[in-house]
Amino acid sequence: MFKKILLVEDDKFLRELMSKKLLSLGYEVSTAPDGETGIEMIKSEKPEVVLLDLILPGINGFDVLEKAKKDPETANIPVVILSNLGQSEDIERGLKLGAKDFLVKAHFTPQEIVNKLKTILE
């Protein structure tokens, strides 16, 4: 029983680190380096959860989240924001747009992020 996770993250190091961690635990992982690709992949791959950065080249994570939630085909896919933006207004905005959770990168280790995803996927 593989769970498919889409990681939308422009930081190559973090993208590879999280991918390796998730793959080692048996998850199926796809990655997108920017918002445009992220939206396309959410539609085409229908992952079981999306891990979404907010600061992305091109369209930002808030726009990706908004588009995913407005599309009836992808509206029910849980999105977890993983960002360095930790201001309460950013967190509120993300949750209002429909994010399942908001994790500030600096406050979580890759293992803690994986634990959060497991809870959502179960």
PDB file of N, CA and C in Angstrom:
ATOM      1  N   MET A   1       0.841  -1.192   0.000  1.00  0.00           N
ATOM      2  CA  MET A   1       0.000   0.000   0.000  1.00  0.00           C
ATOM      3  C   MET A   1       0.884   1.254   0.000  1.00  0.00           C
ATOM      4  N   PHE A   2       1.173   1.739  -1.180  1.00  0.00           N
ATOM      5  CA  PHE A   2       1.996   2.936  -1.289  1.00  0.00           C
ATOM      6  C   PHE A   2       1.123   4.167  -1.225  1.00  0.00           C
ATOM      7  N   LYS A   3       1.594   5.166  -0.539  1.00  0.00           N
ATOM      8  CA  LYS A   3       0.915   6.448  -0.482  1.00  0.00           C
ATOM      9  C   LYS A   3       1.720   7.403  -1.354  1.00  0.00           C
ATOM     10  N   LYS A   4       1.016   8.100  -2.229  1.00  0.00           N
ATOM     11  CA  LYS A   4       1.697   9.016  -3.138  1.00  0.00           C
ATOM     12  C   LYS A   4       1.718  10.427  -2.565  1.00  0.00           C
ATOM     13  N   ILE A   5       2.915  10.970  -2.441  1.00  0.00           N
ATOM     14  CA  ILE A   5       3.107  12.315  -1.907  1.00  0.00           C
ATOM     15  C   ILE A   5       3.735  13.187  -2.988  1.00  0.00           C
ATOM     16  N   LEU A   6       3.187  14.386  -3.160  1.00  0.00           N
ATOM     17  CA  LEU A   6       3.786  15.363  -4.066  1.00  0.00           C
ATOM     18  C   LEU A   6       4.447  16.431  -3.211  1.00  0.00           C
ATOM     19  N   LEU A   7       5.730  16.657  -3.466  1.00  0.00           N
ATOM     20  CA  LEU A   7       6.501  17.663  -2.747  1.00  0.00           C
ATOM     21  C   LEU A   7       6.772  18.828  -3.699  1.00  0.00           C
ATOM     22  N   VAL A   8       6.193  19.984  -3.402  1.00  0.00           N
ATOM     23  CA  VAL A   8       6.400  21.184  -4.223  1.00  0.00           C
ATOM     24  C   VAL A   8       7.359  22.079  -3.451  1.00  0.00           C
ATOM     25  N   GLU A   9       8.620  22.079  -3.881  1.00  0.00           N
ATOM     26  CA  GLU A   9       9.696  22.748  -3.135  1.00  0.00           C
ATOM     27  C   GLU A   9      10.773  23.201  -4.114  1.00  0.00           C
ATOM     28  N   ASP A  10      11.146  24.472  -4.078  1.00  0.00           N
ATOM     29  CA  ASP A  10      12.156  24.971  -5.015  1.00  0.00           C
ATOM     30  C   ASP A  10      13.587  24.749  -4.530  1.00  0.00           C
ATOM     31  N   ASP A  11      13.781  24.532  -3.241  1.00  0.00           N
ATOM     32  CA  ASP A  11      15.117  24.310  -2.704  1.00  0.00           C
ATOM     33  C   ASP A  11      15.541  22.869  -3.010  1.00  0.00           C
ATOM     34  N   LYS A  12      16.519  22.739  -3.921  1.00  0.00           N
ATOM     35  CA  LYS A  12      16.947  21.421  -4.396  1.00  0.00           C
ATOM     36  C   LYS A  12      17.414  20.521  -3.247  1.00  0.00           C
ATOM     37  N   PHE A  13      18.183  21.074  -2.323  1.00  0.00           N
ATOM     38  CA  PHE A  13      18.709  20.295  -1.206  1.00  0.00           C
ATOM     39  C   PHE A  13      17.564  19.738  -0.359  1.00  0.00           C
ATOM     40  N   LEU A  14      16.630  20.610   0.014  1.00  0.00           N
ATOM     41  CA  LEU A  14      15.504  20.180   0.847  1.00  0.00           C
ATOM     42  C   LEU A  14      14.602  19.200   0.102  1.00  0.00           C
ATOM     43  N   ARG A  15      14.416  19.452  -1.194  1.00  0.00           N
ATOM     44  CA  ARG A  15      13.586  18.571  -2.020  1.00  0.00           C
ATOM     45  C   ARG A  15      14.178  17.160  -2.028  1.00  0.00           C
ATOM     46  N   GLU A  16      15.497  17.068  -2.223  1.00  0.00           N
ATOM     47  CA  GLU A  16      16.161  15.757  -2.254  1.00  0.00           C
ATOM     48  C   GLU A  16      16.167  15.098  -0.879  1.00  0.00           C
ATOM     49  N   LEU A  17      16.409  15.889   0.155  1.00  0.00           N
ATOM     50  CA  LEU A  17      16.441  15.372   1.522  1.00  0.00           C
ATOM     51  C   LEU A  17      15.085  14.765   1.895  1.00  0.00           C
ATOM     52  N   MET A  18      14.007  15.512   1.658  1.00  0.00           N
ATOM     53  CA  MET A  18      12.661  15.028   2.003  1.00  0.00           C
ATOM     54  C   MET A  18      12.267  13.838   1.126  1.00  0.00           C
ATOM     55  N   SER A  19      12.618  13.895  -0.154  1.00  0.00           N
ATOM     56  CA  SER A  19      12.305  12.783  -1.062  1.00  0.00           C
ATOM     57  C   SER A  19      12.949  11.493  -0.580  1.00  0.00           C
ATOM     58  N   LYS A  20      14.250  11.563  -0.265  1.00  0.00           N
ATOM     59  CA  LYS A  20      14.975  10.369   0.196  1.00  0.00           C
ATOM     60  C   LYS A  20      14.350   9.823   1.470  1.00  0.00           C
ATOM     61  N   LYS A  21      14.016  10.721   2.383  1.00  0.00           N
ATOM     62  CA  LYS A  21      13.425  10.318   3.663  1.00  0.00           C
ATOM     63  C   LYS A  21      12.091   9.594   3.419  1.00  0.00           C
ATOM     64  N   LEU A  22      11.243  10.173   2.593  1.00  0.00           N
ATOM     65  CA  LEU A  22       9.924   9.587   2.317  1.00  0.00           C
ATOM     66  C   LEU A  22      10.044   8.285   1.528  1.00  0.00           C
ATOM     67  N   LEU A  23      10.938   8.256   0.549  1.00  0.00           N
ATOM     68  CA  LEU A  23      11.146   7.039  -0.249  1.00  0.00           C
ATOM     69  C   LEU A  23      11.650   5.902   0.634  1.00  0.00           C
ATOM     70  N   SER A  24      12.551   6.229   1.567  1.00  0.00           N
ATOM     71  CA  SER A  24      13.110   5.194   2.449  1.00  0.00           C
ATOM     72  C   SER A  24      12.037   4.586   3.349  1.00  0.00           C
ATOM     73  N   LEU A  25      10.947   5.299   3.533  1.00  0.00           N
ATOM     74  CA  LEU A  25       9.852   4.804   4.370  1.00  0.00           C
ATOM     75  C   LEU A  25       8.749   4.152   3.546  1.00  0.00           C
ATOM     76  N   GLY A  26       9.003   4.011   2.239  1.00  0.00           N
ATOM     77  CA  GLY A  26       8.057   3.292   1.400  1.00  0.00           C
ATOM     78  C   GLY A  26       6.993   4.142   0.711  1.00  0.00           C
ATOM     79  N   TYR A  27       7.120   5.452   0.807  1.00  0.00           N
ATOM     80  CA  TYR A  27       6.166   6.310   0.114  1.00  0.00           C
ATOM     81  C   TYR A  27       6.571   6.479  -1.342  1.00  0.00           C
ATOM     82  N   GLU A  28       5.602   6.736  -2.169  1.00  0.00           N
ATOM     83  CA  GLU A  28       5.863   7.080  -3.561  1.00  0.00           C
ATOM     84  C   GLU A  28       5.948   8.604  -3.581  1.00  0.00           C
ATOM     85  N   VAL A  29       7.034   9.163  -4.132  1.00  0.00           N
ATOM     86  CA  VAL A  29       7.239  10.608  -4.068  1.00  0.00           C
ATOM     87  C   VAL A  29       7.440  11.201  -5.451  1.00  0.00           C
ATOM     88  N   SER A  30       6.709  12.274  -5.716  1.00  0.00           N
ATOM     89  CA  SER A  30       6.934  13.076  -6.916  1.00  0.00           C
ATOM     90  C   SER A  30       7.336  14.452  -6.427  1.00  0.00           C
ATOM     91  N   THR A  31       8.160  15.143  -7.233  1.00  0.00           N
ATOM     92  CA  THR A  31       8.563  16.481  -6.816  1.00  0.00           C
ATOM     93  C   THR A  31       8.327  17.486  -7.931  1.00  0.00           C
ATOM     94  N   ALA A  32       8.053  18.713  -7.512  1.00  0.00           N
ATOM     95  CA  ALA A  32       7.895  19.819  -8.447  1.00  0.00           C
ATOM     96  C   ALA A  32       8.753  20.975  -7.930  1.00  0.00           C
ATOM     97  N   PRO A  33       9.576  21.577  -8.810  1.00  0.00           N
ATOM     98  CA  PRO A  33      10.473  22.640  -8.363  1.00  0.00           C
ATOM     99  C   PRO A  33       9.838  24.037  -8.353  1.00  0.00           C
ATOM    100  N   ASP A  34       8.583  24.149  -8.841  1.00  0.00           N
ATOM    101  CA  ASP A  34       7.931  25.459  -8.885  1.00  0.00           C
ATOM    102  C   ASP A  34       6.419  25.300  -8.858  1.00  0.00           C
ATOM    103  N   GLY A  35       5.730  26.415  -8.693  1.00  0.00           N
ATOM    104  CA  GLY A  35       4.280  26.403  -8.550  1.00  0.00           C
ATOM    105  C   GLY A  35       3.530  25.900  -9.772  1.00  0.00           C
ATOM    106  N   GLU A  36       3.954  26.331 -10.954  1.00  0.00           N
ATOM    107  CA  GLU A  36       3.279  25.905 -12.192  1.00  0.00           C
ATOM    108  C   GLU A  36       3.306  24.379 -12.318  1.00  0.00           C
ATOM    109  N   THR A  37       4.488  23.812 -12.158  1.00  0.00           N
ATOM    110  CA  THR A  37       4.648  22.361 -12.244  1.00  0.00           C
ATOM    111  C   THR A  37       3.836  21.686 -11.147  1.00  0.00           C
ATOM    112  N   GLY A  38       3.833  22.298  -9.962  1.00  0.00           N
ATOM    113  CA  GLY A  38       3.072  21.760  -8.845  1.00  0.00           C
ATOM    114  C   GLY A  38       1.595  21.621  -9.182  1.00  0.00           C
ATOM    115  N   ILE A  39       1.006  22.672  -9.750  1.00  0.00           N
ATOM    116  CA  ILE A  39      -0.416  22.638 -10.117  1.00  0.00           C
ATOM    117  C   ILE A  39      -0.671  21.543 -11.152  1.00  0.00           C
ATOM    118  N   GLU A  40       0.183  21.487 -12.182  1.00  0.00           N
ATOM    119  CA  GLU A  40       0.020  20.466 -13.227  1.00  0.00           C
ATOM    120  C   GLU A  40       0.081  19.060 -12.628  1.00  0.00           C
ATOM    121  N   MET A  41       1.036  18.853 -11.704  1.00  0.00           N
ATOM    122  CA  MET A  41       1.219  17.525 -11.121  1.00  0.00           C
ATOM    123  C   MET A  41       0.104  17.154 -10.150  1.00  0.00           C
ATOM    124  N   ILE A  42      -0.448  18.139  -9.450  1.00  0.00           N
ATOM    125  CA  ILE A  42      -1.582  17.858  -8.558  1.00  0.00           C
ATOM    126  C   ILE A  42      -2.733  17.330  -9.415  1.00  0.00           C
ATOM    127  N   LYS A  43      -2.969  17.982 -10.572  1.00  0.00           N
ATOM    128  CA  LYS A  43      -4.055  17.571 -11.466  1.00  0.00           C
ATOM    129  C   LYS A  43      -3.786  16.214 -12.118  1.00  0.00           C
ATOM    130  N   SER A  44      -2.556  16.017 -12.615  1.00  0.00           N
ATOM    131  CA  SER A  44      -2.264  14.798 -13.373  1.00  0.00           C
ATOM    132  C   SER A  44      -2.007  13.589 -12.481  1.00  0.00           C
ATOM    133  N   GLU A  45      -1.383  13.791 -11.324  1.00  0.00           N
ATOM    134  CA  GLU A  45      -0.992  12.650 -10.484  1.00  0.00           C
ATOM    135  C   GLU A  45      -1.970  12.334  -9.357  1.00  0.00           C
ATOM    136  N   LYS A  46      -2.793  13.288  -8.985  1.00  0.00           N
ATOM    137  CA  LYS A  46      -3.745  13.099  -7.879  1.00  0.00           C
ATOM    138  C   LYS A  46      -3.065  12.434  -6.670  1.00  0.00           C
ATOM    139  N   PRO A  47      -2.066  13.114  -6.088  1.00  0.00           N
ATOM    140  CA  PRO A  47      -1.383  12.524  -4.932  1.00  0.00           C
ATOM    141  C   PRO A  47      -2.333  12.421  -3.736  1.00  0.00           C
ATOM    142  N   GLU A  48      -1.948  11.623  -2.760  1.00  0.00           N
ATOM    143  CA  GLU A  48      -2.788  11.485  -1.569  1.00  0.00           C
ATOM    144  C   GLU A  48      -2.556  12.629  -0.591  1.00  0.00           C
ATOM    145  N   VAL A  49      -1.414  13.283  -0.725  1.00  0.00           N
ATOM    146  CA  VAL A  49      -1.139  14.485   0.063  1.00  0.00           C
ATOM    147  C   VAL A  49      -0.105  15.330  -0.683  1.00  0.00           C
ATOM    148  N   VAL A  50      -0.211  16.646  -0.521  1.00  0.00           N
ATOM    149  CA  VAL A  50       0.747  17.572  -1.136  1.00  0.00           C
ATOM    150  C   VAL A  50       1.483  18.294  -0.013  1.00  0.00           C
ATOM    151  N   LEU A  51       2.805  18.297  -0.107  1.00  0.00           N
ATOM    152  CA  LEU A  51       3.653  19.050   0.808  1.00  0.00           C
ATOM    153  C   LEU A  51       4.093  20.274   0.012  1.00  0.00           C
ATOM    154  N   LEU A  52       3.675  21.455   0.430  1.00  0.00           N
ATOM    155  CA  LEU A  52       3.787  22.653  -0.391  1.00  0.00           C
ATOM    156  C   LEU A  52       4.575  23.774   0.264  1.00  0.00           C
ATOM    157  N   ASP A  53       5.616  24.217  -0.414  1.00  0.00           N
ATOM    158  CA  ASP A  53       6.358  25.404   0.015  1.00  0.00           C
ATOM    159  C   ASP A  53       5.558  26.624  -0.443  1.00  0.00           C
ATOM    160  N   LEU A  54       5.739  27.756   0.197  1.00  0.00           N
ATOM    161  CA  LEU A  54       5.003  28.955  -0.215  1.00  0.00           C
ATOM    162  C   LEU A  54       5.821  29.860  -1.122  1.00  0.00           C
ATOM    163  N   ILE A  55       7.122  29.969  -0.834  1.00  0.00           N
ATOM    164  CA  ILE A  55       7.960  30.851  -1.637  1.00  0.00           C
ATOM    165  C   ILE A  55       8.540  30.034  -2.782  1.00  0.00           C
ATOM    166  N   LEU A  56       7.933  30.216  -3.949  1.00  0.00           N
ATOM    167  CA  LEU A  56       8.299  29.431  -5.132  1.00  0.00           C
ATOM    168  C   LEU A  56       8.532  30.366  -6.306  1.00  0.00           C
ATOM    169  N   PRO A  57       9.380  29.947  -7.260  1.00  0.00           N
ATOM    170  CA  PRO A  57       9.530  30.754  -8.474  1.00  0.00           C
ATOM    171  C   PRO A  57       8.228  30.723  -9.276  1.00  0.00           C
ATOM    172  N   GLY A  58       7.916  31.794  -9.964  1.00  0.00           N
ATOM    173  CA  GLY A  58       6.669  31.855 -10.728  1.00  0.00           C
ATOM    174  C   GLY A  58       5.515  32.098  -9.783  1.00  0.00           C
ATOM    175  N   ILE A  59       4.533  31.218  -9.796  1.00  0.00           N
ATOM    176  CA  ILE A  59       3.398  31.426  -8.904  1.00  0.00           C
ATOM    177  C   ILE A  59       3.698  30.846  -7.523  1.00  0.00           C
ATOM    178  N   ASN A  60       3.278  31.560  -6.484  1.00  0.00           N
ATOM    179  CA  ASN A  60       3.630  31.140  -5.124  1.00  0.00           C
ATOM    180  C   ASN A  60       2.708  30.040  -4.606  1.00  0.00           C
ATOM    181  N   GLY A  61       3.069  29.521  -3.443  1.00  0.00           N
ATOM    182  CA  GLY A  61       2.334  28.410  -2.849  1.00  0.00           C
ATOM    183  C   GLY A  61       0.895  28.747  -2.496  1.00  0.00           C
ATOM    184  N   PHE A  62       0.635  29.997  -2.107  1.00  0.00           N
ATOM    185  CA  PHE A  62      -0.750  30.386  -1.812  1.00  0.00           C
ATOM    186  C   PHE A  62      -1.615  30.231  -3.061  1.00  0.00           C
ATOM    187  N   ASP A  63      -1.067  30.637  -4.218  1.00  0.00           N
ATOM    188  CA  ASP A  63      -1.813  30.524  -5.479  1.00  0.00           C
ATOM    189  C   ASP A  63      -2.013  29.060  -5.867  1.00  0.00           C
ATOM    190  N   VAL A  64      -0.987  28.241  -5.646  1.00  0.00           N
ATOM    191  CA  VAL A  64      -1.091  26.802  -5.933  1.00  0.00           C
ATOM    192  C   VAL A  64      -2.209  26.202  -5.084  1.00  0.00           C
ATOM    193  N   LEU A  65      -2.195  26.533  -3.789  1.00  0.00           N
ATOM    194  CA  LEU A  65      -3.201  26.021  -2.857  1.00  0.00           C
ATOM    195  C   LEU A  65      -4.601  26.459  -3.285  1.00  0.00           C
ATOM    196  N   GLU A  66      -4.741  27.734  -3.612  1.00  0.00           N
ATOM    197  CA  GLU A  66      -6.041  28.267  -4.005  1.00  0.00           C
ATOM    198  C   GLU A  66      -6.574  27.571  -5.259  1.00  0.00           C
ATOM    199  N   LYS A  67      -5.699  27.395  -6.258  1.00  0.00           N
ATOM    200  CA  LYS A  67      -6.111  26.724  -7.496  1.00  0.00           C
ATOM    201  C   LYS A  67      -6.492  25.269  -7.239  1.00  0.00           C
ATOM    202  N   ALA A  68      -5.706  24.577  -6.421  1.00  0.00           N
ATOM    203  CA  ALA A  68      -5.989  23.168  -6.118  1.00  0.00           C
ATOM    204  C   ALA A  68      -7.330  23.031  -5.399  1.00  0.00           C
ATOM    205  N   LYS A  69      -7.619  23.946  -4.488  1.00  0.00           N
ATOM    206  CA  LYS A  69      -8.853  23.864  -3.700  1.00  0.00           C
ATOM    207  C   LYS A  69     -10.083  24.295  -4.499  1.00  0.00           C
ATOM    208  N   LYS A  70      -9.889  25.133  -5.532  1.00  0.00           N
ATOM    209  CA  LYS A  70     -11.019  25.584  -6.357  1.00  0.00           C
ATOM    210  C   LYS A  70     -11.401  24.565  -7.422  1.00  0.00           C
ATOM    211  N   ASP A  71     -10.468  23.652  -7.741  1.00  0.00           N
ATOM    212  CA  ASP A  71     -10.715  22.646  -8.775  1.00  0.00           C
ATOM    213  C   ASP A  71     -11.418  21.445  -8.128  1.00  0.00           C
ATOM    214  N   PRO A  72     -12.648  21.118  -8.569  1.00  0.00           N
ATOM    215  CA  PRO A  72     -13.378  20.005  -7.955  1.00  0.00           C
ATOM    216  C   PRO A  72     -12.618  18.673  -8.009  1.00  0.00           C
ATOM    217  N   GLU A  73     -11.755  18.510  -9.022  1.00  0.00           N
ATOM    218  CA  GLU A  73     -10.987  17.261  -9.156  1.00  0.00           C
ATOM    219  C   GLU A  73      -9.915  17.118  -8.082  1.00  0.00           C
ATOM    220  N   THR A  74      -9.417  18.241  -7.568  1.00  0.00           N
ATOM    221  CA  THR A  74      -8.292  18.190  -6.626  1.00  0.00           C
ATOM    222  C   THR A  74      -8.624  18.807  -5.262  1.00  0.00           C
ATOM    223  N   ALA A  75      -9.836  19.300  -5.113  1.00  0.00           N
ATOM    224  CA  ALA A  75     -10.213  20.021  -3.887  1.00  0.00           C
ATOM    225  C   ALA A  75     -10.071  19.192  -2.611  1.00  0.00           C
ATOM    226  N   ASN A  76     -10.250  17.868  -2.717  1.00  0.00           N
ATOM    227  CA  ASN A  76     -10.203  17.029  -1.516  1.00  0.00           C
ATOM    228  C   ASN A  76      -8.819  16.491  -1.179  1.00  0.00           C
ATOM    229  N   ILE A  77      -7.817  16.822  -1.978  1.00  0.00           N
ATOM    230  CA  ILE A  77      -6.455  16.359  -1.685  1.00  0.00           C
ATOM    231  C   ILE A  77      -5.896  17.218  -0.544  1.00  0.00           C
ATOM    232  N   PRO A  78      -5.489  16.578   0.568  1.00  0.00           N
ATOM    233  CA  PRO A  78      -4.941  17.372   1.676  1.00  0.00           C
ATOM    234  C   PRO A  78      -3.618  18.032   1.287  1.00  0.00           C
ATOM    235  N   VAL A  79      -3.485  19.301   1.664  1.00  0.00           N
ATOM    236  CA  VAL A  79      -2.259  20.054   1.395  1.00  0.00           C
ATOM    237  C   VAL A  79      -1.667  20.481   2.729  1.00  0.00           C
ATOM    238  N   VAL A  80      -0.384  20.161   2.920  1.00  0.00           N
ATOM    239  CA  VAL A  80       0.339  20.592   4.109  1.00  0.00           C
ATOM    240  C   VAL A  80       1.361  21.620   3.654  1.00  0.00           C
ATOM    241  N   ILE A  81       1.264  22.813   4.208  1.00  0.00           N
ATOM    242  CA  ILE A  81       2.233  23.848   3.861  1.00  0.00           C
ATOM    243  C   ILE A  81       3.491  23.616   4.685  1.00  0.00           C
ATOM    244  N   LEU A  82       4.629  23.669   4.004  1.00  0.00           N
ATOM    245  CA  LEU A  82       5.943  23.543   4.646  1.00  0.00           C
ATOM    246  C   LEU A  82       6.730  24.761   4.195  1.00  0.00           C
ATOM    247  N   SER A  83       6.863  25.753   5.064  1.00  0.00           N
ATOM    248  CA  SER A  83       7.435  27.019   4.629  1.00  0.00           C
ATOM    249  C   SER A  83       8.300  27.655   5.703  1.00  0.00           C
ATOM    250  N   ASN A  84       9.136  28.601   5.270  1.00  0.00           N
ATOM    251  CA  ASN A  84       9.884  29.403   6.229  1.00  0.00           C
ATOM    252  C   ASN A  84       9.057  30.599   6.685  1.00  0.00           C
ATOM    253  N   LEU A  85       7.947  30.871   5.989  1.00  0.00           N
ATOM    254  CA  LEU A  85       7.061  31.942   6.425  1.00  0.00           C
ATOM    255  C   LEU A  85       6.327  31.440   7.659  1.00  0.00           C
ATOM    256  N   GLY A  86       6.498  32.117   8.766  1.00  0.00           N
ATOM    257  CA  GLY A  86       5.867  31.640   9.986  1.00  0.00           C
ATOM    258  C   GLY A  86       5.028  32.692  10.673  1.00  0.00           C
ATOM    259  N   GLN A  87       4.797  33.827   9.996  1.00  0.00           N
ATOM    260  CA  GLN A  87       3.976  34.887  10.579  1.00  0.00           C
ATOM    261  C   GLN A  87       2.554  34.383  10.736  1.00  0.00           C
ATOM    262  N   SER A  88       1.888  34.822  11.784  1.00  0.00           N
ATOM    263  CA  SER A  88       0.527  34.337  12.027  1.00  0.00           C
ATOM    264  C   SER A  88      -0.398  34.645  10.853  1.00  0.00           C
ATOM    265  N   GLU A  89      -0.192  35.782  10.165  1.00  0.00           N
ATOM    266  CA  GLU A  89      -1.070  36.091   9.027  1.00  0.00           C
ATOM    267  C   GLU A  89      -0.839  35.124   7.858  1.00  0.00           C
ATOM    268  N   ASP A  90       0.392  34.667   7.685  1.00  0.00           N
ATOM    269  CA  ASP A  90       0.671  33.679   6.634  1.00  0.00           C
ATOM    270  C   ASP A  90       0.013  32.342   6.980  1.00  0.00           C
ATOM    271  N   ILE A  91       0.139  31.951   8.236  1.00  0.00           N
ATOM    272  CA  ILE A  91      -0.444  30.686   8.690  1.00  0.00           C
ATOM    273  C   ILE A  91      -1.970  30.747   8.543  1.00  0.00           C
ATOM    274  N   GLU A  92      -2.562  31.850   9.004  1.00  0.00           N
ATOM    275  CA  GLU A  92      -4.014  32.028   8.886  1.00  0.00           C
ATOM    276  C   GLU A  92      -4.470  31.969   7.436  1.00  0.00           C
ATOM    277  N   ARG A  93      -3.730  32.681   6.571  1.00  0.00           N
ATOM    278  CA  ARG A  93      -4.086  32.708   5.153  1.00  0.00           C
ATOM    279  C   ARG A  93      -4.045  31.301   4.551  1.00  0.00           C
ATOM    280  N   GLY A  94      -2.983  30.564   4.872  1.00  0.00           N
ATOM    281  CA  GLY A  94      -2.839  29.196   4.356  1.00  0.00           C
ATOM    282  C   GLY A  94      -3.974  28.293   4.811  1.00  0.00           C
ATOM    283  N   LEU A  95      -4.326  28.391   6.079  1.00  0.00           N
ATOM    284  CA  LEU A  95      -5.391  27.534   6.618  1.00  0.00           C
ATOM    285  C   LEU A  95      -6.750  27.954   6.062  1.00  0.00           C
ATOM    286  N   LYS A  96      -6.957  29.265   5.891  1.00  0.00           N
ATOM    287  CA  LYS A  96      -8.215  29.763   5.319  1.00  0.00           C
ATOM    288  C   LYS A  96      -8.391  29.279   3.886  1.00  0.00           C
ATOM    289  N   LEU A  97      -7.273  29.191   3.158  1.00  0.00           N
ATOM    290  CA  LEU A  97      -7.322  28.731   1.763  1.00  0.00           C
ATOM    291  C   LEU A  97      -7.534  27.220   1.673  1.00  0.00           C
ATOM    292  N   GLY A  98      -7.465  26.545   2.810  1.00  0.00           N
ATOM    293  CA  GLY A  98      -7.782  25.121   2.795  1.00  0.00           C
ATOM    294  C   GLY A  98      -6.653  24.164   3.144  1.00  0.00           C
ATOM    295  N   ALA A  99      -5.513  24.697   3.583  1.00  0.00           N
ATOM    296  CA  ALA A  99      -4.419  23.797   3.972  1.00  0.00           C
ATOM    297  C   ALA A  99      -4.829  22.986   5.197  1.00  0.00           C
ATOM    298  N   LYS A 100      -4.406  21.737   5.214  1.00  0.00           N
ATOM    299  CA  LYS A 100      -4.696  20.816   6.321  1.00  0.00           C
ATOM    300  C   LYS A 100      -3.839  21.170   7.541  1.00  0.00           C
ATOM    301  N   ASP A 101      -2.611  21.614   7.290  1.00  0.00           N
ATOM    302  CA  ASP A 101      -1.683  21.949   8.363  1.00  0.00           C
ATOM    303  C   ASP A 101      -0.648  22.931   7.818  1.00  0.00           C
ATOM    304  N   PHE A 102       0.048  23.612   8.714  1.00  0.00           N
ATOM    305  CA  PHE A 102       1.069  24.591   8.330  1.00  0.00           C
ATOM    306  C   PHE A 102       2.285  24.318   9.198  1.00  0.00           C
ATOM    307  N   LEU A 103       3.373  23.886   8.567  1.00  0.00           N
ATOM    308  CA  LEU A 103       4.609  23.588   9.293  1.00  0.00           C
ATOM    309  C   LEU A 103       5.683  24.600   8.916  1.00  0.00           C
ATOM    310  N   VAL A 104       6.307  25.184   9.920  1.00  0.00           N
ATOM    311  CA  VAL A 104       7.404  26.108   9.665  1.00  0.00           C
ATOM    312  C   VAL A 104       8.684  25.280   9.598  1.00  0.00           C
ATOM    313  N   LYS A 105       9.372  25.357   8.437  1.00  0.00           N
ATOM    314  CA  LYS A 105      10.552  24.503   8.198  1.00  0.00           C
ATOM    315  C   LYS A 105      11.538  24.499   9.361  1.00  0.00           C
ATOM    316  N   ALA A 106      11.829  25.677   9.886  1.00  0.00           N
ATOM    317  CA  ALA A 106      12.851  25.792  10.927  1.00  0.00           C
ATOM    318  C   ALA A 106      12.461  25.065  12.215  1.00  0.00           C
ATOM    319  N   HIS A 107      11.169  24.785  12.393  1.00  0.00           N
ATOM    320  CA  HIS A 107      10.712  24.193  13.646  1.00  0.00           C
ATOM    321  C   HIS A 107      10.560  22.674  13.612  1.00  0.00           C
ATOM    322  N   PHE A 108      10.763  22.079  12.436  1.00  0.00           N
ATOM    323  CA  PHE A 108      10.532  20.639  12.305  1.00  0.00           C
ATOM    324  C   PHE A 108      11.703  19.929  11.638  1.00  0.00           C
ATOM    325  N   THR A 109      12.054  18.749  12.149  1.00  0.00           N
ATOM    326  CA  THR A 109      13.063  17.922  11.484  1.00  0.00           C
ATOM    327  C   THR A 109      12.339  17.144  10.380  1.00  0.00           C
ATOM    328  N   PRO A 110      13.081  16.601   9.399  1.00  0.00           N
ATOM    329  CA  PRO A 110      12.423  15.769   8.380  1.00  0.00           C
ATOM    330  C   PRO A 110      11.595  14.652   8.996  1.00  0.00           C
ATOM    331  N   GLN A 111      12.071  14.040  10.080  1.00  0.00           N
ATOM    332  CA  GLN A 111      11.319  12.949  10.721  1.00  0.00           C
ATOM    333  C   GLN A 111       9.996  13.452  11.293  1.00  0.00           C
ATOM    334  N   GLU A 112      10.005  14.627  11.894  1.00  0.00           N
ATOM    335  CA  GLU A 112       8.772  15.189  12.457  1.00  0.00           C
ATOM    336  C   GLU A 112       7.774  15.515  11.348  1.00  0.00           C
ATOM    337  N   ILE A 113       8.289  15.969  10.217  1.00  0.00           N
ATOM    338  CA  ILE A 113       7.427  16.262   9.059  1.00  0.00           C
ATOM    339  C   ILE A 113       6.782  14.961   8.579  1.00  0.00           C
ATOM    340  N   VAL A 114       7.582  13.907   8.489  1.00  0.00           N
ATOM    341  CA  VAL A 114       7.077  12.591   8.075  1.00  0.00           C
ATOM    342  C   VAL A 114       5.997  12.116   9.052  1.00  0.00           C
ATOM    343  N   ASN A 115       6.215  12.306  10.343  1.00  0.00           N
ATOM    344  CA  ASN A 115       5.226  11.895  11.343  1.00  0.00           C
ATOM    345  C   ASN A 115       3.898  12.624  11.139  1.00  0.00           C
ATOM    346  N   LYS A 116       3.962  13.925  10.815  1.00  0.00           N
ATOM    347  CA  LYS A 116       2.750  14.705  10.542  1.00  0.00           C
ATOM    348  C   LYS A 116       2.018  14.134   9.325  1.00  0.00           C
ATOM    349  N   LEU A 117       2.803  13.817   8.274  1.00  0.00           N
ATOM    350  CA  LEU A 117       2.205  13.267   7.049  1.00  0.00           C
ATOM    351  C   LEU A 117       1.529  11.937   7.331  1.00  0.00           C
ATOM    352  N   LYS A 118       2.175  11.086   8.137  1.00  0.00           N
ATOM    353  CA  LYS A 118       1.609   9.784   8.478  1.00  0.00           C
ATOM    354  C   LYS A 118       0.237   9.962   9.118  1.00  0.00           C
ATOM    355  N   THR A 119       0.126  10.919  10.032  1.00  0.00           N
ATOM    356  CA  THR A 119      -1.138  11.186  10.722  1.00  0.00           C
ATOM    357  C   THR A 119      -2.215  11.564   9.704  1.00  0.00           C
ATOM    358  N   ILE A 120      -1.862  12.404   8.760  1.00  0.00           N
ATOM    359  CA  ILE A 120      -2.826  12.853   7.744  1.00  0.00           C
ATOM    360  C   ILE A 120      -3.219  11.707   6.812  1.00  0.00           C
ATOM    361  N   LEU A 121      -2.261  10.866   6.453  1.00  0.00           N
ATOM    362  CA  LEU A 121      -2.515   9.769   5.524  1.00  0.00           C
ATOM    363  C   LEU A 121      -3.306   8.619   6.157  1.00  0.00           C
ATOM    364  N   GLU A 122      -3.326   8.540   7.470  1.00  0.00           N
ATOM    365  CA  GLU A 122      -4.000   7.402   8.116  1.00  0.00           C
ATOM    366  C   GLU A 122      -5.448   7.588   8.239  1.00  0.00           C
TER     367      GLU A 122
END
